Amino acid sequence: MVTVLVIMTAGTLVGYFLRNRPKIILTNDKLIMAAVFGLLFLMGVAIGSNPTIIKKLPVLGMQALVIAVVGIVGSVLAGGVVYYFFFRKKS
């Protein structure tokens, strides 16, 4: 856990000092997206290679769908509240 906090703090400091360099920020965005897609792919490989998960997929799928829908609805609502209080233009 300490390692994660140290890495995040170091990343925050580096990001702070590089914030005025748009070329680096654009490259960083592309790298982040590549990393996210790579992690999603590897998670799919791990799920597909697990016979227990594949056998129970119908039940797990319905539970996952419910959890995903509730998570999406909650995120959209929370985002709307945050936008309303912090980011909307005041007339």
PDB file of N, CA and C in Angstrom:
ATOM      1  N   MET A   1       0.825  -1.190   0.000  1.00  0.00           N
ATOM      2  CA  MET A   1       0.000   0.000   0.000  1.00  0.00           C
ATOM      3  C   MET A   1       0.869   1.254   0.000  1.00  0.00           C
ATOM      4  N   VAL A   2       1.927   1.231   0.762  1.00  0.00           N
ATOM      5  CA  VAL A   2       2.829   2.382   0.803  1.00  0.00           C
ATOM      6  C   VAL A   2       3.439   2.610  -0.580  1.00  0.00           C
ATOM      7  N   THR A   3       3.757   1.537  -1.272  1.00  0.00           N
ATOM      8  CA  THR A   3       4.331   1.656  -2.619  1.00  0.00           C
ATOM      9  C   THR A   3       3.364   2.372  -3.553  1.00  0.00           C
ATOM     10  N   VAL A   4       2.091   2.014  -3.482  1.00  0.00           N
ATOM     11  CA  VAL A   4       1.083   2.653  -4.332  1.00  0.00           C
ATOM     12  C   VAL A   4       0.998   4.145  -4.026  1.00  0.00           C
ATOM     13  N   LEU A   5       0.982   4.497  -2.757  1.00  0.00           N
ATOM     14  CA  LEU A   5       0.901   5.914  -2.375  1.00  0.00           C
ATOM     15  C   LEU A   5       2.139   6.689  -2.820  1.00  0.00           C
ATOM     16  N   VAL A   6       3.306   6.092  -2.693  1.00  0.00           N
ATOM     17  CA  VAL A   6       4.544   6.759  -3.117  1.00  0.00           C
ATOM     18  C   VAL A   6       4.533   6.970  -4.634  1.00  0.00           C
ATOM     19  N   ILE A   7       4.113   5.957  -5.380  1.00  0.00           N
ATOM     20  CA  ILE A   7       4.068   6.082  -6.841  1.00  0.00           C
ATOM     21  C   ILE A   7       3.052   7.147  -7.258  1.00  0.00           C
ATOM     22  N   MET A   8       1.886   7.161  -6.624  1.00  0.00           N
ATOM     23  CA  MET A   8       0.883   8.170  -6.972  1.00  0.00           C
ATOM     24  C   MET A   8       1.361   9.576  -6.617  1.00  0.00           C
ATOM     25  N   THR A   9       2.012   9.726  -5.487  1.00  0.00           N
ATOM     26  CA  THR A   9       2.540  11.033  -5.094  1.00  0.00           C
ATOM     27  C   THR A   9       3.617  11.485  -6.070  1.00  0.00           C
ATOM     28  N   ALA A  10       4.500  10.583  -6.456  1.00  0.00           N
ATOM     29  CA  ALA A  10       5.545  10.923  -7.426  1.00  0.00           C
ATOM     30  C   ALA A  10       4.912  11.318  -8.763  1.00  0.00           C
ATOM     31  N   GLY A  11       3.903  10.579  -9.204  1.00  0.00           N
ATOM     32  CA  GLY A  11       3.216  10.912 -10.440  1.00  0.00           C
ATOM     33  C   GLY A  11       2.524  12.263 -10.378  1.00  0.00           C
ATOM     34  N   THR A  12       1.938  12.569  -9.236  1.00  0.00           N
ATOM     35  CA  THR A  12       1.282  13.859  -9.060  1.00  0.00           C
ATOM     36  C   THR A  12       2.295  14.989  -9.143  1.00  0.00           C
ATOM     37  N   LEU A  13       3.439  14.818  -8.517  1.00  0.00           N
ATOM     38  CA  LEU A  13       4.484  15.852  -8.571  1.00  0.00           C
ATOM     39  C   LEU A  13       5.023  16.037  -9.985  1.00  0.00           C
ATOM     40  N   VAL A  14       5.264  14.945 -10.685  1.00  0.00           N
ATOM     41  CA  VAL A  14       5.744  15.043 -12.066  1.00  0.00           C
ATOM     42  C   VAL A  14       4.686  15.726 -12.929  1.00  0.00           C
ATOM     43  N   GLY A  15       3.423  15.344 -12.763  1.00  0.00           N
ATOM     44  CA  GLY A  15       2.343  15.971 -13.510  1.00  0.00           C
ATOM     45  C   GLY A  15       2.229  17.450 -13.227  1.00  0.00           C
ATOM     46  N   TYR A  16       2.447  17.830 -11.985  1.00  0.00           N
ATOM     47  CA  TYR A  16       2.390  19.251 -11.624  1.00  0.00           C
ATOM     48  C   TYR A  16       3.451  20.053 -12.378  1.00  0.00           C
ATOM     49  N   PHE A  17       4.643  19.509 -12.461  1.00  0.00           N
ATOM     50  CA  PHE A  17       5.720  20.236 -13.127  1.00  0.00           C
ATOM     51  C   PHE A  17       5.623  20.181 -14.654  1.00  0.00           C
ATOM     52  N   LEU A  18       4.884  19.221 -15.185  1.00  0.00           N
ATOM     53  CA  LEU A  18       4.743  19.103 -16.635  1.00  0.00           C
ATOM     54  C   LEU A  18       3.407  19.640 -17.149  1.00  0.00           C
ATOM     55  N   ARG A  19       2.636  20.274 -16.311  1.00  0.00           N
ATOM     56  CA  ARG A  19       1.283  20.678 -16.676  1.00  0.00           C
ATOM     57  C   ARG A  19       1.221  21.709 -17.796  1.00  0.00           C
ATOM     58  N   ASN A  20       2.268  22.457 -18.038  1.00  0.00           N
ATOM     59  CA  ASN A  20       2.270  23.483 -19.085  1.00  0.00           C
ATOM     60  C   ASN A  20       2.907  23.000 -20.380  1.00  0.00           C
ATOM     61  N   ARG A  21       3.016  21.708 -20.555  1.00  0.00           N
ATOM     62  CA  ARG A  21       3.602  21.133 -21.774  1.00  0.00           C
ATOM     63  C   ARG A  21       2.559  20.266 -22.466  1.00  0.00           C
ATOM     64  N   PRO A  22       1.793  20.859 -23.389  1.00  0.00           N
ATOM     65  CA  PRO A  22       0.670  20.125 -23.997  1.00  0.00           C
ATOM     66  C   PRO A  22       1.087  18.901 -24.803  1.00  0.00           C
ATOM     67  N   LYS A  23       2.279  18.916 -25.395  1.00  0.00           N
ATOM     68  CA  LYS A  23       2.707  17.762 -26.186  1.00  0.00           C
ATOM     69  C   LYS A  23       2.885  16.529 -25.293  1.00  0.00           C
ATOM     70  N   ILE A  24       3.479  16.728 -24.136  1.00  0.00           N
ATOM     71  CA  ILE A  24       3.685  15.620 -23.197  1.00  0.00           C
ATOM     72  C   ILE A  24       2.339  15.124 -22.661  1.00  0.00           C
ATOM     73  N   ILE A  25       1.427  16.055 -22.396  1.00  0.00           N
ATOM     74  CA  ILE A  25       0.118  15.681 -21.863  1.00  0.00           C
ATOM     75  C   ILE A  25      -0.658  14.854 -22.890  1.00  0.00           C
ATOM     76  N   LEU A  26      -0.604  15.241 -24.172  1.00  0.00           N
ATOM     77  CA  LEU A  26      -1.302  14.467 -25.210  1.00  0.00           C
ATOM     78  C   LEU A  26      -0.713  13.066 -25.345  1.00  0.00           C
ATOM     79  N   THR A  27       0.597  12.963 -25.276  1.00  0.00           N
ATOM     80  CA  THR A  27       1.244  11.655 -25.341  1.00  0.00           C
ATOM     81  C   THR A  27       0.838  10.813 -24.130  1.00  0.00           C
ATOM     82  N   ASN A  28       0.786  11.441 -22.984  1.00  0.00           N
ATOM     83  CA  ASN A  28       0.405  10.749 -21.756  1.00  0.00           C
ATOM     84  C   ASN A  28      -1.021  10.220 -21.855  1.00  0.00           C
ATOM     85  N   ASP A  29      -1.924  11.004 -22.427  1.00  0.00           N
ATOM     86  CA  ASP A  29      -3.302  10.548 -22.598  1.00  0.00           C
ATOM     87  C   ASP A  29      -3.369   9.295 -23.462  1.00  0.00           C
ATOM     88  N   LYS A  30      -2.596   9.265 -24.540  1.00  0.00           N
ATOM     89  CA  LYS A  30      -2.590   8.095 -25.420  1.00  0.00           C
ATOM     90  C   LYS A  30      -2.023   6.870 -24.700  1.00  0.00           C
ATOM     91  N   LEU A  31      -0.985   7.074 -23.914  1.00  0.00           N
ATOM     92  CA  LEU A  31      -0.396   5.964 -23.159  1.00  0.00           C
ATOM     93  C   LEU A  31      -1.374   5.420 -22.120  1.00  0.00           C
ATOM     94  N   ILE A  32      -2.098   6.311 -21.482  1.00  0.00           N
ATOM     95  CA  ILE A  32      -3.077   5.887 -20.480  1.00  0.00           C
ATOM     96  C   ILE A  32      -4.170   5.053 -21.143  1.00  0.00           C
ATOM     97  N   MET A  33      -4.683   5.501 -22.290  1.00  0.00           N
ATOM     98  CA  MET A  33      -5.717   4.745 -22.987  1.00  0.00           C
ATOM     99  C   MET A  33      -5.192   3.372 -23.415  1.00  0.00           C
ATOM    100  N   ALA A  34      -3.960   3.310 -23.903  1.00  0.00           N
ATOM    101  CA  ALA A  34      -3.374   2.028 -24.294  1.00  0.00           C
ATOM    102  C   ALA A  34      -3.263   1.098 -23.082  1.00  0.00           C
ATOM    103  N   ALA A  35      -2.867   1.651 -21.942  1.00  0.00           N
ATOM    104  CA  ALA A  35      -2.744   0.843 -20.727  1.00  0.00           C
ATOM    105  C   ALA A  35      -4.112   0.334 -20.267  1.00  0.00           C
ATOM    106  N   VAL A  36      -5.131   1.182 -20.326  1.00  0.00           N
ATOM    107  CA  VAL A  36      -6.481   0.770 -19.922  1.00  0.00           C
ATOM    108  C   VAL A  36      -6.989  -0.344 -20.834  1.00  0.00           C
ATOM    109  N   PHE A  37      -6.815  -0.174 -22.153  1.00  0.00           N
ATOM    110  CA  PHE A  37      -7.261  -1.216 -23.079  1.00  0.00           C
ATOM    111  C   PHE A  37      -6.493  -2.518 -22.850  1.00  0.00           C
ATOM    112  N   GLY A  38      -5.196  -2.416 -22.580  1.00  0.00           N
ATOM    113  CA  GLY A  38      -4.402  -3.605 -22.294  1.00  0.00           C
ATOM    114  C   GLY A  38      -4.877  -4.313 -21.040  1.00  0.00           C
ATOM    115  N   LEU A  39      -5.180  -3.553 -19.990  1.00  0.00           N
ATOM    116  CA  LEU A  39      -5.683  -4.153 -18.752  1.00  0.00           C
ATOM    117  C   LEU A  39      -7.047  -4.812 -18.955  1.00  0.00           C
ATOM    118  N   LEU A  40      -7.924  -4.161 -19.731  1.00  0.00           N
ATOM    119  CA  LEU A  40      -9.230  -4.767 -20.015  1.00  0.00           C
ATOM    120  C   LEU A  40      -9.072  -6.077 -20.787  1.00  0.00           C
ATOM    121  N   PHE A  41      -8.160  -6.086 -21.755  1.00  0.00           N
ATOM    122  CA  PHE A  41      -7.911  -7.307 -22.515  1.00  0.00           C
ATOM    123  C   PHE A  41      -7.408  -8.422 -21.605  1.00  0.00           C
ATOM    124  N   LEU A  42      -6.441  -8.114 -20.745  1.00  0.00           N
ATOM    125  CA  LEU A  42      -5.891  -9.126 -19.845  1.00  0.00           C
ATOM    126  C   LEU A  42      -6.928  -9.611 -18.841  1.00  0.00           C
ATOM    127  N   MET A  43      -7.827  -8.727 -18.409  1.00  0.00           N
ATOM    128  CA  MET A  43      -8.896  -9.168 -17.521  1.00  0.00           C
ATOM    129  C   MET A  43      -9.824 -10.130 -18.266  1.00  0.00           C
ATOM    130  N   GLY A  44     -10.098  -9.848 -19.535  1.00  0.00           N
ATOM    131  CA  GLY A  44     -10.905 -10.751 -20.346  1.00  0.00           C
ATOM    132  C   GLY A  44     -10.245 -12.104 -20.509  1.00  0.00           C
ATOM    133  N   VAL A  45      -8.936 -12.113 -20.709  1.00  0.00           N
ATOM    134  CA  VAL A  45      -8.202 -13.379 -20.829  1.00  0.00           C
ATOM    135  C   VAL A  45      -8.299 -14.163 -19.519  1.00  0.00           C
ATOM    136  N   ALA A  46      -8.144 -13.472 -18.401  1.00  0.00           N
ATOM    137  CA  ALA A  46      -8.218 -14.149 -17.102  1.00  0.00           C
ATOM    138  C   ALA A  46      -9.608 -14.729 -16.864  1.00  0.00           C
ATOM    139  N   ILE A  47     -10.647 -13.985 -17.229  1.00  0.00           N
ATOM    140  CA  ILE A  47     -12.017 -14.480 -17.050  1.00  0.00           C
ATOM    141  C   ILE A  47     -12.282 -15.657 -17.992  1.00  0.00           C
ATOM    142  N   GLY A  48     -11.861 -15.529 -19.252  1.00  0.00           N
ATOM    143  CA  GLY A  48     -12.107 -16.586 -20.236  1.00  0.00           C
ATOM    144  C   GLY A  48     -11.367 -17.875 -19.937  1.00  0.00           C
ATOM    145  N   SER A  49     -10.253 -17.786 -19.241  1.00  0.00           N
ATOM    146  CA  SER A  49      -9.485 -18.988 -18.948  1.00  0.00           C
ATOM    147  C   SER A  49      -9.873 -19.647 -17.623  1.00  0.00           C
ATOM    148  N   ASN A  50     -10.805 -19.062 -16.907  1.00  0.00           N
ATOM    149  CA  ASN A  50     -11.245 -19.608 -15.623  1.00  0.00           C
ATOM    150  C   ASN A  50     -12.504 -20.442 -15.839  1.00  0.00           C
ATOM    151  N   PRO A  51     -12.400 -21.775 -15.753  1.00  0.00           N
ATOM    152  CA  PRO A  51     -13.563 -22.628 -16.030  1.00  0.00           C
ATOM    153  C   PRO A  51     -14.721 -22.419 -15.060  1.00  0.00           C
ATOM    154  N   THR A  52     -14.445 -22.069 -13.834  1.00  0.00           N
ATOM    155  CA  THR A  52     -15.513 -21.841 -12.849  1.00  0.00           C
ATOM    156  C   THR A  52     -16.370 -20.653 -13.256  1.00  0.00           C
ATOM    157  N   ILE A  53     -15.723 -19.586 -13.666  1.00  0.00           N
ATOM    158  CA  ILE A  53     -16.466 -18.394 -14.080  1.00  0.00           C
ATOM    159  C   ILE A  53     -17.272 -18.689 -15.334  1.00  0.00           C
ATOM    160  N   ILE A  54     -16.671 -19.370 -16.289  1.00  0.00           N
ATOM    161  CA  ILE A  54     -17.373 -19.687 -17.532  1.00  0.00           C
ATOM    162  C   ILE A  54     -18.596 -20.567 -17.256  1.00  0.00           C
ATOM    163  N   LYS A  55     -18.468 -21.527 -16.327  1.00  0.00           N
ATOM    164  CA  LYS A  55     -19.573 -22.427 -15.998  1.00  0.00           C
ATOM    165  C   LYS A  55     -20.730 -21.658 -15.341  1.00  0.00           C
ATOM    166  N   LYS A  56     -20.409 -20.653 -14.523  1.00  0.00           N
ATOM    167  CA  LYS A  56     -21.444 -19.908 -13.798  1.00  0.00           C
ATOM    168  C   LYS A  56     -21.778 -18.580 -14.474  1.00  0.00           C
ATOM    169  N   LEU A  57     -21.420 -18.437 -15.735  1.00  0.00           N
ATOM    170  CA  LEU A  57     -21.602 -17.175 -16.448  1.00  0.00           C
ATOM    171  C   LEU A  57     -23.050 -16.683 -16.487  1.00  0.00           C
ATOM    172  N   PRO A  58     -24.049 -17.557 -16.695  1.00  0.00           N
ATOM    173  CA  PRO A  58     -25.431 -17.032 -16.726  1.00  0.00           C
ATOM    174  C   PRO A  58     -25.836 -16.321 -15.432  1.00  0.00           C
ATOM    175  N   VAL A  59     -25.509 -16.911 -14.295  1.00  0.00           N
ATOM    176  CA  VAL A  59     -25.861 -16.295 -13.009  1.00  0.00           C
ATOM    177  C   VAL A  59     -24.992 -15.067 -12.766  1.00  0.00           C
ATOM    178  N   LEU A  60     -23.693 -15.214 -12.969  1.00  0.00           N
ATOM    179  CA  LEU A  60     -22.781 -14.092 -12.756  1.00  0.00           C
ATOM    180  C   LEU A  60     -23.075 -12.953 -13.720  1.00  0.00           C
ATOM    181  N   GLY A  61     -23.477 -13.295 -14.932  1.00  0.00           N
ATOM    182  CA  GLY A  61     -23.776 -12.267 -15.923  1.00  0.00           C
ATOM    183  C   GLY A  61     -24.924 -11.376 -15.494  1.00  0.00           C
ATOM    184  N   MET A  62     -25.982 -11.972 -14.950  1.00  0.00           N
ATOM    185  CA  MET A  62     -27.128 -11.177 -14.498  1.00  0.00           C
ATOM    186  C   MET A  62     -26.734 -10.297 -13.313  1.00  0.00           C
ATOM    187  N   GLN A  63     -25.976 -10.853 -12.381  1.00  0.00           N
ATOM    188  CA  GLN A  63     -25.518 -10.060 -11.245  1.00  0.00           C
ATOM    189  C   GLN A  63     -24.623  -8.918 -11.729  1.00  0.00           C
ATOM    190  N   ALA A  64     -23.727  -9.215 -12.657  1.00  0.00           N
ATOM    191  CA  ALA A  64     -22.834  -8.193 -13.188  1.00  0.00           C
ATOM    192  C   ALA A  64     -23.619  -7.106 -13.908  1.00  0.00           C
ATOM    193  N   LEU A  65     -24.661  -7.495 -14.651  1.00  0.00           N
ATOM    194  CA  LEU A  65     -25.480  -6.515 -15.354  1.00  0.00           C
ATOM    195  C   LEU A  65     -26.165  -5.572 -14.370  1.00  0.00           C
ATOM    196  N   VAL A  66     -26.738  -6.130 -13.313  1.00  0.00           N
ATOM    197  CA  VAL A  66     -27.412  -5.304 -12.305  1.00  0.00           C
ATOM    198  C   VAL A  66     -26.406  -4.367 -11.641  1.00  0.00           C
ATOM    199  N   ILE A  67     -25.252  -4.886 -11.257  1.00  0.00           N
ATOM    200  CA  ILE A  67     -24.232  -4.057 -10.616  1.00  0.00           C
ATOM    201  C   ILE A  67     -23.752  -2.963 -11.565  1.00  0.00           C
ATOM    202  N   ALA A  68     -23.557  -3.304 -12.832  1.00  0.00           N
ATOM    203  CA  ALA A  68     -23.088  -2.329 -13.813  1.00  0.00           C
ATOM    204  C   ALA A  68     -24.120  -1.222 -14.015  1.00  0.00           C
ATOM    205  N   VAL A  69     -25.388  -1.599 -14.159  1.00  0.00           N
ATOM    206  CA  VAL A  69     -26.435  -0.592 -14.377  1.00  0.00           C
ATOM    207  C   VAL A  69     -26.551   0.327 -13.164  1.00  0.00           C
ATOM    208  N   VAL A  70     -26.552  -0.237 -11.976  1.00  0.00           N
ATOM    209  CA  VAL A  70     -26.637   0.578 -10.759  1.00  0.00           C
ATOM    210  C   VAL A  70     -25.405   1.494 -10.654  1.00  0.00           C
ATOM    211  N   GLY A  71     -24.239   0.977 -10.977  1.00  0.00           N
ATOM    212  CA  GLY A  71     -23.026   1.791 -10.935  1.00  0.00           C
ATOM    213  C   GLY A  71     -23.063   2.928 -11.941  1.00  0.00           C
ATOM    214  N   ILE A  72     -23.550   2.651 -13.142  1.00  0.00           N
ATOM    215  CA  ILE A  72     -23.637   3.695 -14.168  1.00  0.00           C
ATOM    216  C   ILE A  72     -24.640   4.767 -13.755  1.00  0.00           C
ATOM    217  N   VAL A  73     -25.806   4.348 -13.304  1.00  0.00           N
ATOM    218  CA  VAL A  73     -26.823   5.317 -12.887  1.00  0.00           C
ATOM    219  C   VAL A  73     -26.300   6.172 -11.727  1.00  0.00           C
ATOM    220  N   GLY A  74     -25.656   5.544 -10.760  1.00  0.00           N
ATOM    221  CA  GLY A  74     -25.101   6.289  -9.633  1.00  0.00           C
ATOM    222  C   GLY A  74     -24.011   7.263 -10.067  1.00  0.00           C
ATOM    223  N   SER A  75     -23.172   6.846 -10.994  1.00  0.00           N
ATOM    224  CA  SER A  75     -22.113   7.726 -11.481  1.00  0.00           C
ATOM    225  C   SER A  75     -22.673   8.920 -12.237  1.00  0.00           C
ATOM    226  N   VAL A  76     -23.676   8.672 -13.074  1.00  0.00           N
ATOM    227  CA  VAL A  76     -24.297   9.770 -13.828  1.00  0.00           C
ATOM    228  C   VAL A  76     -24.965  10.758 -12.870  1.00  0.00           C
ATOM    229  N   LEU A  77     -25.680  10.248 -11.890  1.00  0.00           N
ATOM    230  CA  LEU A  77     -26.319  11.135 -10.917  1.00  0.00           C
ATOM    231  C   LEU A  77     -25.293  11.930 -10.119  1.00  0.00           C
ATOM    232  N   ALA A  78     -24.249  11.263  -9.661  1.00  0.00           N
ATOM    233  CA  ALA A  78     -23.209  11.962  -8.901  1.00  0.00           C
ATOM    234  C   ALA A  78     -22.512  13.003  -9.778  1.00  0.00           C
ATOM    235  N   GLY A  79     -22.242  12.651 -11.038  1.00  0.00           N
ATOM    236  CA  GLY A  79     -21.628  13.602 -11.956  1.00  0.00           C
ATOM    237  C   GLY A  79     -22.512  14.814 -12.187  1.00  0.00           C
ATOM    238  N   GLY A  80     -23.820  14.589 -12.306  1.00  0.00           N
ATOM    239  CA  GLY A  80     -24.752  15.703 -12.471  1.00  0.00           C
ATOM    240  C   GLY A  80     -24.762  16.626 -11.266  1.00  0.00           C
ATOM    241  N   VAL A  81     -24.735  16.051 -10.079  1.00  0.00           N
ATOM    242  CA  VAL A  81     -24.706  16.865  -8.855  1.00  0.00           C
ATOM    243  C   VAL A  81     -23.417  17.671  -8.779  1.00  0.00           C
ATOM    244  N   VAL A  82     -22.289  17.031  -9.053  1.00  0.00           N
ATOM    245  CA  VAL A  82     -21.007  17.740  -9.022  1.00  0.00           C
ATOM    246  C   VAL A  82     -20.987  18.856 -10.059  1.00  0.00           C
ATOM    247  N   TYR A  83     -21.461  18.564 -11.278  1.00  0.00           N
ATOM    248  CA  TYR A  83     -21.503  19.588 -12.327  1.00  0.00           C
ATOM    249  C   TYR A  83     -22.374  20.756 -11.897  1.00  0.00           C
ATOM    250  N   TYR A  84     -23.545  20.452 -11.338  1.00  0.00           N
ATOM    251  CA  TYR A  84     -24.477  21.502 -10.943  1.00  0.00           C
ATOM    252  C   TYR A  84     -23.859  22.429  -9.900  1.00  0.00           C
ATOM    253  N   PHE A  85     -23.191  21.879  -8.925  1.00  0.00           N
ATOM    254  CA  PHE A  85     -22.661  22.706  -7.840  1.00  0.00           C
ATOM    255  C   PHE A  85     -21.301  23.325  -8.116  1.00  0.00           C
ATOM    256  N   PHE A  86     -20.498  22.734  -9.017  1.00  0.00           N
ATOM    257  CA  PHE A  86     -19.139  23.229  -9.170  1.00  0.00           C
ATOM    258  C   PHE A  86     -18.800  23.753 -10.554  1.00  0.00           C
ATOM    259  N   PHE A  87     -19.472  23.305 -11.617  1.00  0.00           N
ATOM    260  CA  PHE A  87     -18.998  23.629 -12.967  1.00  0.00           C
ATOM    261  C   PHE A  87     -20.000  24.376 -13.843  1.00  0.00           C
ATOM    262  N   ARG A  88     -21.235  24.529 -13.436  1.00  0.00           N
ATOM    263  CA  ARG A  88     -22.168  25.223 -14.306  1.00  0.00           C
ATOM    264  C   ARG A  88     -21.875  26.714 -14.294  1.00  0.00           C
ATOM    265  N   LYS A  89     -22.212  27.351 -15.404  1.00  0.00           N
ATOM    266  CA  LYS A  89     -21.976  28.792 -15.514  1.00  0.00           C
ATOM    267  C   LYS A  89     -23.061  29.517 -14.745  1.00  0.00           C
ATOM    268  N   LYS A  90     -22.624  30.430 -13.925  1.00  0.00           N
ATOM    269  CA  LYS A  90     -23.565  31.197 -13.133  1.00  0.00           C
ATOM    270  C   LYS A  90     -23.926  32.461 -13.891  1.00  0.00           C
ATOM    271  N   SER A  91     -25.231  32.714 -14.049  1.00  0.00           N
ATOM    272  CA  SER A  91     -25.650  33.888 -14.822  1.00  0.00           C
ATOM    273  C   SER A  91     -25.838  35.111 -13.958  1.00  0.00           C
TER     274      SER A  91
END
